[in-house]
N, C-alpha and C. Protein backbone atom coordinates (compact mmCIF):
# COMPACT_ATOMS: atom_id res chain seq x y z
N MET A 1 -202.01 177.28 -64.32
CA MET A 1 -202.00 176.97 -62.92
C MET A 1 -203.23 177.31 -62.11
N ASN A 2 -203.63 176.47 -61.36
CA ASN A 2 -204.88 176.63 -60.49
C ASN A 2 -204.70 177.62 -59.35
N GLU A 3 -205.66 178.43 -58.99
CA GLU A 3 -205.35 179.31 -57.90
C GLU A 3 -205.25 178.78 -56.75
N TYR A 4 -205.76 177.28 -56.48
CA TYR A 4 -205.49 176.68 -55.27
C TYR A 4 -204.29 175.94 -55.15
N GLU A 5 -203.62 175.82 -56.13
CA GLU A 5 -202.41 174.98 -56.01
C GLU A 5 -201.38 175.50 -55.05
N PRO A 6 -201.26 176.76 -54.64
CA PRO A 6 -200.12 176.96 -53.64
C PRO A 6 -200.50 176.66 -52.20
N LEU A 7 -201.97 176.77 -52.09
CA LEU A 7 -202.48 176.40 -50.96
C LEU A 7 -202.51 174.67 -50.47
N ARG A 8 -202.76 174.01 -51.67
CA ARG A 8 -202.37 172.60 -51.45
C ARG A 8 -201.12 172.23 -51.30
N VAL A 9 -200.26 172.89 -51.74
CA VAL A 9 -198.73 172.63 -51.48
C VAL A 9 -198.31 172.99 -49.97
N LEU A 10 -198.73 174.12 -49.79
CA LEU A 10 -198.68 174.57 -48.30
C LEU A 10 -199.45 173.56 -47.41
N TYR A 11 -200.54 173.09 -47.46
CA TYR A 11 -201.32 172.17 -46.72
C TYR A 11 -200.41 170.99 -46.78
N GLY A 12 -199.93 170.33 -47.86
CA GLY A 12 -199.07 169.19 -47.80
C GLY A 12 -197.77 169.33 -47.05
N LEU A 13 -197.20 170.49 -47.09
CA LEU A 13 -195.97 170.85 -46.21
C LEU A 13 -196.31 170.87 -44.82
N PHE A 14 -197.24 171.75 -44.31
CA PHE A 14 -197.70 171.62 -43.00
C PHE A 14 -198.20 170.36 -42.31
N LEU A 15 -199.13 169.63 -43.04
CA LEU A 15 -199.30 168.35 -42.66
C LEU A 15 -198.23 167.37 -42.56
N GLY A 16 -197.32 167.28 -43.71
CA GLY A 16 -196.18 166.43 -43.53
C GLY A 16 -195.25 166.87 -42.49
N ALA A 17 -194.99 168.07 -42.08
CA ALA A 17 -194.33 168.42 -40.88
C ALA A 17 -194.67 168.00 -39.61
N PHE A 18 -196.14 168.29 -39.52
CA PHE A 18 -196.74 167.72 -38.14
C PHE A 18 -196.62 166.28 -38.16
N ILE A 19 -196.72 165.34 -39.18
CA ILE A 19 -196.82 163.97 -39.11
C ILE A 19 -195.34 163.60 -38.91
N ILE A 20 -194.34 164.38 -39.39
CA ILE A 20 -192.82 164.01 -38.86
C ILE A 20 -192.65 164.10 -37.48
N ILE A 21 -193.23 165.31 -36.96
CA ILE A 21 -193.02 165.50 -35.53
C ILE A 21 -193.66 164.50 -34.67
N ALA A 22 -195.15 164.10 -35.22
CA ALA A 22 -195.50 162.91 -34.27
C ALA A 22 -194.89 161.65 -34.47
N GLY A 23 -194.08 161.49 -35.72
CA GLY A 23 -193.36 160.28 -35.83
C GLY A 23 -191.99 160.20 -35.05
N VAL A 24 -191.53 161.43 -34.72
CA VAL A 24 -190.19 161.67 -34.04
C VAL A 24 -190.57 161.50 -32.41
N LEU A 25 -191.85 162.09 -32.06
CA LEU A 25 -192.19 161.72 -30.58
C LEU A 25 -192.61 160.32 -30.47
N THR A 26 -193.13 159.46 -31.35
CA THR A 26 -193.44 157.94 -31.18
C THR A 26 -192.15 157.30 -31.18
N LEU A 27 -191.13 157.62 -31.97
CA LEU A 27 -189.78 157.04 -32.06
C LEU A 27 -188.88 157.21 -30.94
N THR A 28 -189.11 158.43 -30.12
CA THR A 28 -188.27 158.56 -28.96
C THR A 28 -189.00 158.44 -27.86
N SER A 29 -190.17 158.00 -27.94
CA SER A 29 -191.06 157.88 -26.58
C SER A 29 -190.48 156.81 -25.65
N LYS A 30 -190.37 157.14 -24.35
CA LYS A 30 -189.79 156.07 -23.40
C LYS A 30 -190.92 155.22 -22.82
N ASP A 31 -191.55 155.64 -21.72
CA ASP A 31 -192.60 154.99 -21.14
C ASP A 31 -193.74 156.04 -20.67
N GLU A 32 -194.07 156.79 -21.69
CA GLU A 32 -195.05 157.65 -21.60
C GLU A 32 -196.32 157.09 -21.78
N PRO A 33 -197.40 157.31 -21.23
CA PRO A 33 -198.82 156.23 -21.22
C PRO A 33 -199.48 156.87 -22.63
N GLY A 34 -199.45 158.05 -22.96
CA GLY A 34 -200.19 158.73 -23.98
C GLY A 34 -199.51 158.89 -25.53
N ILE A 35 -198.16 158.58 -25.44
CA ILE A 35 -197.28 158.82 -26.62
C ILE A 35 -196.85 157.31 -27.03
N GLY A 36 -196.97 157.17 -28.29
CA GLY A 36 -196.43 155.93 -28.92
C GLY A 36 -197.54 155.01 -29.36
N PHE A 37 -197.18 154.11 -29.89
CA PHE A 37 -197.87 153.01 -30.21
C PHE A 37 -198.36 151.89 -29.54
N ARG A 38 -199.62 151.96 -28.97
CA ARG A 38 -200.11 151.24 -27.81
C ARG A 38 -201.21 150.09 -28.31
N ILE A 39 -201.02 148.79 -28.13
CA ILE A 39 -202.00 148.01 -28.20
C ILE A 39 -201.62 147.01 -26.92
N GLY A 40 -202.59 146.01 -26.73
CA GLY A 40 -202.43 145.27 -25.50
C GLY A 40 -201.02 144.57 -25.17
N TYR A 41 -200.51 144.06 -26.47
CA TYR A 41 -199.17 143.36 -26.21
C TYR A 41 -198.06 144.45 -25.80
N THR A 42 -198.19 145.65 -26.28
CA THR A 42 -197.16 146.62 -25.92
C THR A 42 -197.16 146.95 -24.46
N TYR A 43 -198.43 146.88 -23.69
CA TYR A 43 -198.39 147.06 -22.31
C TYR A 43 -197.74 145.90 -21.58
N LEU A 44 -197.89 144.75 -22.23
CA LEU A 44 -197.40 143.51 -21.37
C LEU A 44 -195.90 143.49 -21.59
N SER A 45 -195.36 143.94 -22.78
CA SER A 45 -193.76 143.54 -23.11
C SER A 45 -193.03 144.81 -23.38
N GLU A 46 -192.24 145.05 -22.62
CA GLU A 46 -191.39 146.32 -22.94
C GLU A 46 -190.65 146.18 -24.28
N ARG A 47 -190.22 145.09 -24.51
CA ARG A 47 -189.43 144.74 -25.90
C ARG A 47 -190.71 145.09 -26.96
N ALA A 48 -191.49 144.49 -26.95
CA ALA A 48 -192.74 144.58 -27.92
C ALA A 48 -192.97 146.16 -27.97
N ARG A 49 -193.03 146.83 -27.02
CA ARG A 49 -193.46 148.32 -27.02
C ARG A 49 -192.33 149.12 -27.64
N ARG A 50 -191.00 148.83 -27.44
CA ARG A 50 -190.02 149.33 -27.98
C ARG A 50 -189.83 149.06 -29.62
N LYS A 51 -189.98 147.99 -30.00
CA LYS A 51 -189.85 147.57 -31.34
C LYS A 51 -191.11 148.16 -32.09
N ALA A 52 -192.34 148.17 -31.57
CA ALA A 52 -193.54 148.79 -32.44
C ALA A 52 -193.38 150.19 -32.20
N ASN A 53 -192.91 150.96 -31.27
CA ASN A 53 -192.73 152.23 -31.46
C ASN A 53 -191.63 152.70 -32.47
N ARG A 54 -190.72 151.95 -32.61
CA ARG A 54 -189.70 152.02 -33.54
C ARG A 54 -190.22 151.97 -34.93
N VAL A 55 -190.95 150.94 -35.20
CA VAL A 55 -191.53 150.62 -36.62
C VAL A 55 -192.52 151.67 -37.00
N SER A 56 -193.57 152.00 -35.99
CA SER A 56 -194.40 152.97 -36.16
C SER A 56 -193.78 154.36 -36.43
N GLY A 57 -193.00 154.84 -35.64
CA GLY A 57 -192.18 156.07 -35.68
C GLY A 57 -191.64 156.22 -37.22
N ILE A 58 -190.92 155.35 -37.44
CA ILE A 58 -190.27 155.33 -38.82
C ILE A 58 -191.32 155.43 -39.90
N GLY A 59 -192.24 154.70 -39.78
CA GLY A 59 -193.44 154.55 -40.65
C GLY A 59 -194.08 155.96 -40.81
N THR A 60 -194.29 156.68 -39.64
CA THR A 60 -194.79 158.03 -39.61
C THR A 60 -193.94 158.97 -40.28
N ILE A 61 -192.60 158.90 -39.82
CA ILE A 61 -191.71 160.11 -40.39
C ILE A 61 -191.75 159.86 -42.01
N LEU A 62 -191.69 158.49 -42.37
CA LEU A 62 -191.75 158.20 -43.96
C LEU A 62 -193.06 158.78 -44.59
N THR A 63 -194.06 158.80 -43.84
CA THR A 63 -195.41 159.15 -44.44
C THR A 63 -195.24 160.75 -44.44
N GLY A 64 -194.72 161.56 -43.53
CA GLY A 64 -194.67 162.76 -43.55
C GLY A 64 -193.71 163.44 -44.59
N VAL A 65 -192.68 162.68 -44.83
CA VAL A 65 -191.47 162.72 -45.90
C VAL A 65 -192.37 162.69 -47.25
N ALA A 66 -193.06 161.68 -47.42
CA ALA A 66 -193.64 161.61 -48.71
C ALA A 66 -194.73 162.51 -49.00
N LEU A 67 -195.45 163.10 -48.13
CA LEU A 67 -196.46 164.09 -48.15
C LEU A 67 -195.63 165.33 -48.48
N ILE A 68 -194.55 165.79 -47.96
CA ILE A 68 -193.68 166.98 -48.18
C ILE A 68 -193.34 166.78 -49.96
N ILE A 69 -192.71 165.71 -50.22
CA ILE A 69 -192.09 165.58 -51.38
C ILE A 69 -193.08 165.46 -52.35
N LEU A 70 -194.13 164.80 -52.41
CA LEU A 70 -195.25 164.63 -53.41
C LEU A 70 -196.40 165.78 -53.50
N SER A 71 -196.40 166.76 -52.38
CA SER A 71 -197.46 167.70 -52.38
C SER A 71 -197.34 168.53 -53.66
N PRO A 72 -196.13 169.04 -54.32
CA PRO A 72 -196.21 169.87 -55.55
C PRO A 72 -196.82 168.99 -56.70
N PHE A 73 -196.91 167.73 -56.62
CA PHE A 73 -197.01 166.96 -58.00
C PHE A 73 -198.44 166.28 -57.85
N LEU A 74 -198.97 165.93 -56.70
CA LEU A 74 -200.14 165.16 -56.68
C LEU A 74 -201.40 166.15 -56.39
N PRO A 75 -202.79 165.73 -56.79
CA PRO A 75 -203.85 166.48 -56.34
C PRO A 75 -204.05 166.23 -54.74
N MET A 76 -205.04 166.79 -54.00
CA MET A 76 -205.44 166.62 -52.82
C MET A 76 -205.67 165.15 -52.60
N ALA A 77 -206.58 164.48 -53.38
CA ALA A 77 -206.95 163.01 -53.30
C ALA A 77 -205.86 162.22 -53.35
N GLY A 78 -204.72 162.39 -54.18
CA GLY A 78 -203.53 161.59 -54.28
C GLY A 78 -202.73 161.53 -53.03
N LEU A 79 -202.61 162.93 -52.50
CA LEU A 79 -202.09 163.02 -51.12
C LEU A 79 -202.51 162.27 -49.92
N ILE A 80 -203.81 162.39 -49.84
CA ILE A 80 -204.68 161.45 -48.90
C ILE A 80 -204.57 160.17 -49.10
N ALA A 81 -204.50 159.65 -50.37
CA ALA A 81 -204.18 158.16 -50.62
C ALA A 81 -203.01 157.79 -50.33
N ILE A 82 -201.95 158.59 -50.55
CA ILE A 82 -200.69 158.25 -50.10
C ILE A 82 -200.43 158.14 -48.57
N MET A 83 -201.06 159.12 -47.93
CA MET A 83 -201.13 159.17 -46.55
C MET A 83 -201.83 157.97 -45.93
N LEU A 84 -203.05 157.64 -46.45
CA LEU A 84 -203.62 156.44 -45.96
C LEU A 84 -202.85 155.31 -46.23
N LEU A 85 -202.25 155.00 -47.47
CA LEU A 85 -201.57 153.84 -47.82
C LEU A 85 -200.24 153.58 -46.91
N VAL A 86 -199.35 154.50 -46.78
CA VAL A 86 -198.16 154.52 -46.00
C VAL A 86 -198.55 154.29 -44.57
N SER A 87 -199.46 154.99 -44.18
CA SER A 87 -199.95 154.81 -42.53
C SER A 87 -200.46 153.64 -42.31
N LEU A 88 -201.26 153.23 -42.90
CA LEU A 88 -201.91 151.73 -42.84
C LEU A 88 -200.99 150.74 -42.99
N GLY A 89 -199.94 150.89 -43.82
CA GLY A 89 -198.86 149.81 -44.09
C GLY A 89 -197.98 149.71 -42.79
N ALA A 90 -197.60 150.95 -42.18
CA ALA A 90 -196.87 151.15 -40.99
C ALA A 90 -197.57 150.61 -39.84
N ILE A 91 -198.90 150.79 -39.78
CA ILE A 91 -199.63 150.16 -38.62
C ILE A 91 -199.70 148.72 -38.54
N PHE A 92 -200.07 148.27 -39.79
CA PHE A 92 -200.09 146.74 -39.80
C PHE A 92 -198.78 146.06 -39.58
N TYR A 93 -197.79 146.85 -40.03
CA TYR A 93 -196.32 146.25 -39.71
C TYR A 93 -196.06 146.33 -38.21
N ALA A 94 -196.37 147.41 -37.70
CA ALA A 94 -196.12 147.52 -36.15
C ALA A 94 -196.94 146.62 -35.43
N VAL A 95 -198.25 146.27 -35.73
CA VAL A 95 -198.94 145.22 -35.07
C VAL A 95 -198.37 144.03 -35.13
N PHE A 96 -197.76 143.70 -36.29
CA PHE A 96 -197.11 142.44 -36.63
C PHE A 96 -195.91 142.12 -35.78
N ILE A 97 -195.05 143.32 -35.73
CA ILE A 97 -193.74 143.31 -34.90
C ILE A 97 -194.30 143.17 -33.55
N ALA A 98 -195.25 143.89 -32.95
CA ALA A 98 -195.71 143.67 -31.43
C ALA A 98 -196.13 142.46 -31.16
N LEU A 99 -196.84 141.68 -32.10
CA LEU A 99 -197.31 140.29 -31.84
C LEU A 99 -196.26 139.25 -31.71
N THR A 100 -195.24 139.45 -32.77
CA THR A 100 -194.23 138.31 -32.90
C THR A 100 -193.41 138.60 -31.71
N SER A 101 -193.14 139.77 -31.20
CA SER A 101 -192.21 140.21 -30.01
C SER A 101 -192.81 139.55 -28.85
N ALA A 102 -194.05 139.99 -28.63
CA ALA A 102 -194.84 139.31 -27.40
C ALA A 102 -194.91 137.79 -27.49
N TYR A 103 -195.11 137.09 -28.69
CA TYR A 103 -194.90 135.61 -28.85
C TYR A 103 -193.74 135.16 -28.54
N GLU A 104 -192.65 135.85 -28.80
CA GLU A 104 -191.34 135.40 -28.34
C GLU A 104 -191.08 135.49 -27.09
N GLU A 105 -191.75 136.15 -26.29
CA GLU A 105 -191.48 136.39 -24.90
C GLU A 105 -192.51 135.41 -24.01
N GLY A 106 -193.38 134.97 -24.82
CA GLY A 106 -194.33 134.06 -24.13
C GLY A 106 -195.67 134.57 -23.68
N TYR A 107 -195.93 135.95 -24.01
CA TYR A 107 -197.27 136.47 -23.62
C TYR A 107 -198.42 136.07 -24.46
N TYR A 108 -198.17 135.32 -25.63
CA TYR A 108 -199.13 135.03 -26.65
C TYR A 108 -199.46 133.64 -26.92
C-alpha cells in the first residue's frame, strides 16, 4: 500500500462532495444570475435555462458520485480523466439542450 493512498482517497471524497454540492445548487437554482449554467440562449429563454440547469446539474452530481465511488480504485490521473470526461459530456449535452430549446422558441 502506498503511503499517499489514504490522501488520494480523501481528496477524491472531498472533491466529489464539493462537486455534488455544486450540482445541487445548479439543479435547484431559480433565477440567480451567478448560479447555474449560463450561455447566451439561457439568458434569452427561461425554458432553455431550466432545461440546461437540470441537465448540467444532474451531470455535475453524477461526476461527484463517480469520483467518490472510484477514488479508492483509481490513481489521481484516472480520477482527473473521469472528472473531465463526465463533466465535458454534461456540458456539451447541456449546450445542445439549451440550443434546441431556444430554437424551438424561435430565438435561434
